[in-house]
C-alpha cells in the first residue's frame, strides 16, 4: 500500500511506505495495520477508506488533523 497521501483539499501531506506513514519531511508519524492508522504509541487514530486502492490516498476532512 505504498503511495502519497493527500488531504481533503488535495495538498500532498505524507507518504505510505509499507506499514509506516511519514510526513513530507520523512519523519515517521504513524503505523499502518491493514486500513487502520495508529500512533507510534499504539493508539488507534483513524483509518483509510476501504475503497481506496492504488498509490494515491486521499483523506477525508475529519482526518486532516492527523497531518498538522
PDB file of N, CA and C in Angstrom:
ATOM      1  N   UNK A   1       0.833  -1.187   0.000  1.00  0.00           N
ATOM      2  CA  UNK A   1       0.000   0.000   0.000  1.00  0.00           C
ATOM      3  C   UNK A   1       0.878   1.250   0.000  1.00  0.00           C
ATOM      4  N   UNK A   2       1.963   1.237  -0.730  1.00  0.00           N
ATOM      5  CA  UNK A   2       2.835   2.404  -0.806  1.00  0.00           C
ATOM      6  C   UNK A   2       2.196   3.498  -1.654  1.00  0.00           C
ATOM      7  N   UNK A   3       2.462   4.755  -1.293  1.00  0.00           N
ATOM      8  CA  UNK A   3       1.965   5.853  -2.107  1.00  0.00           C
ATOM      9  C   UNK A   3       1.893   7.156  -1.345  1.00  0.00           C
ATOM     10  N   UNK A   4       1.437   8.180  -2.051  1.00  0.00           N
ATOM     11  CA  UNK A   4       1.315   9.519  -1.484  1.00  0.00           C
ATOM     12  C   UNK A   4      -0.025   9.669  -0.771  1.00  0.00           C
ATOM     13  N   UNK A   5      -0.039  10.563   0.235  1.00  0.00           N
ATOM     14  CA  UNK A   5      -1.265  10.879   0.969  1.00  0.00           C
ATOM     15  C   UNK A   5      -1.584  12.349   0.739  1.00  0.00           C
ATOM     16  N   UNK A   6      -2.836  12.617   0.399  1.00  0.00           N
ATOM     17  CA  UNK A   6      -3.306  13.971   0.154  1.00  0.00           C
ATOM     18  C   UNK A   6      -4.411  14.304   1.140  1.00  0.00           C
ATOM     19  N   UNK A   7      -4.450  15.566   1.601  1.00  0.00           N
ATOM     20  CA  UNK A   7      -5.530  15.974   2.497  1.00  0.00           C
ATOM     21  C   UNK A   7      -6.791  16.259   1.689  1.00  0.00           C
ATOM     22  N   UNK A   8      -7.836  16.720   2.355  1.00  0.00           N
ATOM     23  CA  UNK A   8      -9.128  16.924   1.699  1.00  0.00           C
ATOM     24  C   UNK A   8      -9.116  18.040   0.665  1.00  0.00           C
ATOM     25  N   UNK A   9      -8.102  18.911   0.707  1.00  0.00           N
ATOM     26  CA  UNK A   9      -8.008  19.988  -0.282  1.00  0.00           C
ATOM     27  C   UNK A   9      -7.041  19.641  -1.411  1.00  0.00           C
ATOM     28  N   UNK A  10      -6.486  18.424  -1.402  1.00  0.00           N
ATOM     29  CA  UNK A  10      -5.597  17.979  -2.462  1.00  0.00           C
ATOM     30  C   UNK A  10      -4.127  18.265  -2.240  1.00  0.00           C
ATOM     31  N   UNK A  11      -3.763  18.760  -1.066  1.00  0.00           N
ATOM     32  CA  UNK A  11      -2.366  19.060  -0.745  1.00  0.00           C
ATOM     33  C   UNK A  11      -1.646  17.775  -0.325  1.00  0.00           C
ATOM     34  N   UNK A  12      -0.450  17.544  -0.871  1.00  0.00           N
ATOM     35  CA  UNK A  12       0.359  16.381  -0.504  1.00  0.00           C
ATOM     36  C   UNK A  12       0.849  16.557   0.937  1.00  0.00           C
ATOM     37  N   UNK A  13       0.472  15.629   1.831  1.00  0.00           N
ATOM     38  CA  UNK A  13       0.814  15.777   3.249  1.00  0.00           C
ATOM     39  C   UNK A  13       1.635  14.627   3.813  1.00  0.00           C
ATOM     40  N   UNK A  14       1.782  13.547   3.073  1.00  0.00           N
ATOM     41  CA  UNK A  14       2.525  12.422   3.621  1.00  0.00           C
ATOM     42  C   UNK A  14       2.726  11.324   2.609  1.00  0.00           C
ATOM     43  N   UNK A  15       3.317  10.221   3.110  1.00  0.00           N
ATOM     44  CA  UNK A  15       3.637   9.090   2.251  1.00  0.00           C
ATOM     45  C   UNK A  15       3.505   7.803   3.050  1.00  0.00           C
ATOM     46  N   UNK A  16       2.960   6.793   2.407  1.00  0.00           N
ATOM     47  CA  UNK A  16       2.889   5.455   2.992  1.00  0.00           C
ATOM     48  C   UNK A  16       4.005   4.622   2.382  1.00  0.00           C
ATOM     49  N   UNK A  17       4.813   4.035   3.233  1.00  0.00           N
ATOM     50  CA  UNK A  17       5.863   3.112   2.801  1.00  0.00           C
ATOM     51  C   UNK A  17       5.733   1.853   3.641  1.00  0.00           C
ATOM     52  N   UNK A  18       5.221   0.799   3.040  1.00  0.00           N
ATOM     53  CA  UNK A  18       4.992  -0.439   3.777  1.00  0.00           C
ATOM     54  C   UNK A  18       4.018  -0.202   4.912  1.00  0.00           C
ATOM     55  N   UNK A  19       4.374  -0.597   6.127  1.00  0.00           N
ATOM     56  CA  UNK A  19       3.465  -0.431   7.260  1.00  0.00           C
ATOM     57  C   UNK A  19       3.660   0.891   8.016  1.00  0.00           C
ATOM     58  N   UNK A  20       4.310   1.873   7.384  1.00  0.00           N
ATOM     59  CA  UNK A  20       4.621   3.139   8.057  1.00  0.00           C
ATOM     60  C   UNK A  20       4.074   4.321   7.272  1.00  0.00           C
ATOM     61  N   UNK A  21       3.706   5.366   8.004  1.00  0.00           N
ATOM     62  CA  UNK A  21       3.253   6.612   7.397  1.00  0.00           C
ATOM     63  C   UNK A  21       4.211   7.713   7.823  1.00  0.00           C
ATOM     64  N   UNK A  22       4.727   8.447   6.836  1.00  0.00           N
ATOM     65  CA  UNK A  22       5.703   9.507   7.058  1.00  0.00           C
ATOM     66  C   UNK A  22       5.125  10.839   6.619  1.00  0.00           C
ATOM     67  N   UNK A  23       5.611  11.936   7.237  1.00  0.00           N
ATOM     68  CA  UNK A  23       5.245  13.261   6.745  1.00  0.00           C
ATOM     69  C   UNK A  23       6.115  13.580   5.536  1.00  0.00           C
ATOM     70  N   UNK A  24       5.934  14.737   4.944  1.00  0.00           N
ATOM     71  CA  UNK A  24       6.677  15.112   3.725  1.00  0.00           C
ATOM     72  C   UNK A  24       8.167  15.304   3.971  1.00  0.00           C
ATOM     73  N   UNK A  25       8.579  15.497   5.223  1.00  0.00           N
ATOM     74  CA  UNK A  25       9.992  15.659   5.552  1.00  0.00           C
ATOM     75  C   UNK A  25      10.660  14.324   5.865  1.00  0.00           C
ATOM     76  N   UNK A  26       9.910  13.229   5.853  1.00  0.00           N
ATOM     77  CA  UNK A  26      10.482  11.913   6.107  1.00  0.00           C
ATOM     78  C   UNK A  26      10.419  11.448   7.543  1.00  0.00           C
ATOM     79  N   UNK A  27       9.715  12.183   8.410  1.00  0.00           N
ATOM     80  CA  UNK A  27       9.565  11.782   9.808  1.00  0.00           C
ATOM     81  C   UNK A  27       8.440  10.760   9.938  1.00  0.00           C
ATOM     82  N   UNK A  28       8.712   9.647  10.614  1.00  0.00           N
ATOM     83  CA  UNK A  28       7.687   8.628  10.816  1.00  0.00           C
ATOM     84  C   UNK A  28       6.653   9.159  11.799  1.00  0.00           C
ATOM     85  N   UNK A  29       5.380   9.145  11.372  1.00  0.00           N
ATOM     86  CA  UNK A  29       4.303   9.652  12.211  1.00  0.00           C
ATOM     87  C   UNK A  29       3.404   8.557  12.762  1.00  0.00           C
ATOM     88  N   UNK A  30       3.094   7.568  11.931  1.00  0.00           N
ATOM     89  CA  UNK A  30       2.087   6.566  12.270  1.00  0.00           C
ATOM     90  C   UNK A  30       2.487   5.200  11.746  1.00  0.00           C
ATOM     91  N   UNK A  31       1.871   4.172  12.338  1.00  0.00           N
ATOM     92  CA  UNK A  31       1.969   2.809  11.840  1.00  0.00           C
ATOM     93  C   UNK A  31       0.661   2.477  11.145  1.00  0.00           C
ATOM     94  N   UNK A  32       0.739   1.638  10.142  1.00  0.00           N
ATOM     95  CA  UNK A  32      -0.439   1.242   9.383  1.00  0.00           C
ATOM     96  C   UNK A  32      -0.596  -0.258   9.480  1.00  0.00           C
ATOM     97  N   UNK A  33      -1.755  -0.700   9.968  1.00  0.00           N
ATOM     98  CA  UNK A  33      -2.057  -2.131  10.069  1.00  0.00           C
ATOM     99  C   UNK A  33      -3.380  -2.342   9.359  1.00  0.00           C
ATOM    100  N   UNK A  34      -3.298  -2.914   8.156  1.00  0.00           N
ATOM    101  CA  UNK A  34      -4.491  -3.026   7.317  1.00  0.00           C
ATOM    102  C   UNK A  34      -4.899  -1.623   6.901  1.00  0.00           C
ATOM    103  N   UNK A  35      -6.142  -1.245   7.170  1.00  0.00           N
ATOM    104  CA  UNK A  35      -6.614   0.109   6.861  1.00  0.00           C
ATOM    105  C   UNK A  35      -6.569   1.011   8.085  1.00  0.00           C
ATOM    106  N   UNK A  36      -6.156   0.478   9.250  1.00  0.00           N
ATOM    107  CA  UNK A  36      -6.141   1.245  10.491  1.00  0.00           C
ATOM    108  C   UNK A  36      -4.831   2.003  10.670  1.00  0.00           C
ATOM    109  N   UNK A  37      -4.935   3.236  11.140  1.00  0.00           N
ATOM    110  CA  UNK A  37      -3.783   4.104  11.377  1.00  0.00           C
ATOM    111  C   UNK A  37      -3.583   4.247  12.887  1.00  0.00           C
ATOM    112  N   UNK A  38      -2.364   3.957  13.352  1.00  0.00           N
ATOM    113  CA  UNK A  38      -2.038   4.002  14.779  1.00  0.00           C
ATOM    114  C   UNK A  38      -0.905   4.981  15.036  1.00  0.00           C
ATOM    115  N   UNK A  39      -0.993   5.685  16.174  1.00  0.00           N
ATOM    116  CA  UNK A  39       0.157   6.474  16.629  1.00  0.00           C
ATOM    117  C   UNK A  39       1.271   5.503  16.971  1.00  0.00           C
ATOM    118  N   UNK A  40       2.481   6.001  17.089  1.00  0.00           N
ATOM    119  CA  UNK A  40       3.615   5.148  17.412  1.00  0.00           C
ATOM    120  C   UNK A  40       3.483   4.533  18.796  1.00  0.00           C
ATOM    121  N   UNK A  41       2.610   5.096  19.637  1.00  0.00           N
ATOM    122  CA  UNK A  41       2.349   4.550  20.966  1.00  0.00           C
ATOM    123  C   UNK A  41       1.343   3.408  20.935  1.00  0.00           C
ATOM    124  N   UNK A  42       0.742   3.147  19.756  1.00  0.00           N
ATOM    125  CA  UNK A  42      -0.227   2.061  19.631  1.00  0.00           C
ATOM    126  C   UNK A  42      -1.678   2.503  19.658  1.00  0.00           C
ATOM    127  N   UNK A  43      -1.934   3.792  19.840  1.00  0.00           N
ATOM    128  CA  UNK A  43      -3.301   4.308  19.904  1.00  0.00           C
ATOM    129  C   UNK A  43      -3.904   4.433  18.503  1.00  0.00           C
ATOM    130  N   UNK A  44      -5.084   3.856  18.305  1.00  0.00           N
ATOM    131  CA  UNK A  44      -5.792   3.956  17.035  1.00  0.00           C
ATOM    132  C   UNK A  44      -6.258   5.396  16.830  1.00  0.00           C
ATOM    133  N   UNK A  45      -5.927   5.990  15.674  1.00  0.00           N
ATOM    134  CA  UNK A  45      -6.295   7.385  15.430  1.00  0.00           C
ATOM    135  C   UNK A  45      -7.130   7.575  14.170  1.00  0.00           C
ATOM    136  N   UNK A  46      -7.257   6.554  13.337  1.00  0.00           N
ATOM    137  CA  UNK A  46      -8.052   6.706  12.132  1.00  0.00           C
ATOM    138  C   UNK A  46      -7.891   5.516  11.213  1.00  0.00           C
ATOM    139  N   UNK A  47      -8.427   5.654  10.005  1.00  0.00           N
ATOM    140  CA  UNK A  47      -8.293   4.586   9.024  1.00  0.00           C
ATOM    141  C   UNK A  47      -8.464   5.134   7.618  1.00  0.00           C
ATOM    142  N   UNK A  48      -7.924   4.383   6.675  1.00  0.00           N
ATOM    143  CA  UNK A  48      -8.135   4.701   5.273  1.00  0.00           C
ATOM    144  C   UNK A  48      -9.429   4.050   4.845  1.00  0.00           C
ATOM    145  N   UNK A  49     -10.113   4.700   3.957  1.00  0.00           N
ATOM    146  CA  UNK A  49     -11.345   4.163   3.417  1.00  0.00           C
ATOM    147  C   UNK A  49     -11.044   2.856   2.683  1.00  0.00           C
ATOM    148  N   UNK A  50     -11.904   1.870   2.848  1.00  0.00           N
ATOM    149  CA  UNK A  50     -11.679   0.553   2.250  1.00  0.00           C
ATOM    150  C   UNK A  50     -11.707   0.586   0.730  1.00  0.00           C
ATOM    151  N   UNK A  51     -12.336   1.597   0.144  1.00  0.00           N
ATOM    152  CA  UNK A  51     -12.427   1.646  -1.309  1.00  0.00           C
ATOM    153  C   UNK A  51     -11.247   2.361  -1.955  1.00  0.00           C
ATOM    154  N   UNK A  52     -10.248   2.738  -1.198  1.00  0.00           N
ATOM    155  CA  UNK A  52      -9.076   3.438  -1.735  1.00  0.00           C
ATOM    156  C   UNK A  52      -7.966   2.451  -2.035  1.00  0.00           C
ATOM    157  N   UNK A  53      -7.836   2.053  -3.280  1.00  0.00           N
ATOM    158  CA  UNK A  53      -6.740   1.189  -3.702  1.00  0.00           C
ATOM    159  C   UNK A  53      -5.919   1.972  -4.704  1.00  0.00           C
ATOM    160  N   UNK A  54      -4.648   1.689  -4.781  1.00  0.00           N
ATOM    161  CA  UNK A  54      -3.772   2.410  -5.688  1.00  0.00           C
ATOM    162  C   UNK A  54      -2.726   3.161  -4.911  1.00  0.00           C
ATOM    163  N   UNK A  55      -1.954   3.982  -5.621  1.00  0.00           N
ATOM    164  CA  UNK A  55      -0.819   4.636  -4.988  1.00  0.00           C
ATOM    165  C   UNK A  55      -1.165   5.965  -4.335  1.00  0.00           C
ATOM    166  N   UNK A  56      -2.313   6.549  -4.635  1.00  0.00           N
ATOM    167  CA  UNK A  56      -2.696   7.813  -4.012  1.00  0.00           C
ATOM    168  C   UNK A  56      -3.805   7.584  -2.996  1.00  0.00           C
ATOM    169  N   UNK A  57      -3.612   8.130  -1.803  1.00  0.00           N
ATOM    170  CA  UNK A  57      -4.602   8.029  -0.732  1.00  0.00           C
ATOM    171  C   UNK A  57      -5.102   9.423  -0.417  1.00  0.00           C
ATOM    172  N   UNK A  58      -6.390   9.592  -0.378  1.00  0.00           N
ATOM    173  CA  UNK A  58      -6.979  10.891  -0.072  1.00  0.00           C
ATOM    174  C   UNK A  58      -7.718  10.802   1.261  1.00  0.00           C
ATOM    175  N   UNK A  59      -7.397  11.720   2.161  1.00  0.00           N
ATOM    176  CA  UNK A  59      -8.038  11.760   3.470  1.00  0.00           C
ATOM    177  C   UNK A  59      -9.327  12.542   3.392  1.00  0.00           C
ATOM    178  N   UNK A  60     -10.301  12.139   4.201  1.00  0.00           N
ATOM    179  CA  UNK A  60     -11.485  12.982   4.299  1.00  0.00           C
ATOM    180  C   UNK A  60     -11.185  14.114   5.276  1.00  0.00           C
ATOM    181  N   UNK A  61     -12.048  15.083   5.326  1.00  0.00           N
ATOM    182  CA  UNK A  61     -11.792  16.298   6.103  1.00  0.00           C
ATOM    183  C   UNK A  61     -11.534  16.007   7.579  1.00  0.00           C
ATOM    184  N   UNK A  62     -12.212  15.012   8.147  1.00  0.00           N
ATOM    185  CA  UNK A  62     -12.028  14.703   9.565  1.00  0.00           C
ATOM    186  C   UNK A  62     -10.633  14.143   9.860  1.00  0.00           C
ATOM    187  N   UNK A  63      -9.952  13.579   8.865  1.00  0.00           N
ATOM    188  CA  UNK A  63      -8.621  13.016   9.074  1.00  0.00           C
ATOM    189  C   UNK A  63      -7.499  14.021   8.783  1.00  0.00           C
ATOM    190  N   UNK A  64      -7.833  15.188   8.272  1.00  0.00           N
ATOM    191  CA  UNK A  64      -6.806  16.204   8.012  1.00  0.00           C
ATOM    192  C   UNK A  64      -5.990  16.546   9.242  1.00  0.00           C
ATOM    193  N   UNK A  65      -6.580  16.455  10.403  1.00  0.00           N
ATOM    194  CA  UNK A  65      -5.900  16.805  11.658  1.00  0.00           C
ATOM    195  C   UNK A  65      -4.700  15.904  11.937  1.00  0.00           C
ATOM    196  N   UNK A  66      -4.629  14.732  11.322  1.00  0.00           N
ATOM    197  CA  UNK A  66      -3.513  13.821  11.539  1.00  0.00           C
ATOM    198  C   UNK A  66      -2.203  14.354  10.960  1.00  0.00           C
ATOM    199  N   UNK A  67      -2.283  15.329  10.052  1.00  0.00           N
ATOM    200  CA  UNK A  67      -1.086  15.827   9.375  1.00  0.00           C
ATOM    201  C   UNK A  67      -0.899  17.320   9.567  1.00  0.00           C
ATOM    202  N   UNK A  68      -1.183  17.825  10.738  1.00  0.00           N
ATOM    203  CA  UNK A  68      -0.947  19.239  11.048  1.00  0.00           C
ATOM    204  C   UNK A  68       0.299  19.412  11.857  1.00  0.00           C
TER     205      UNK A  68
END
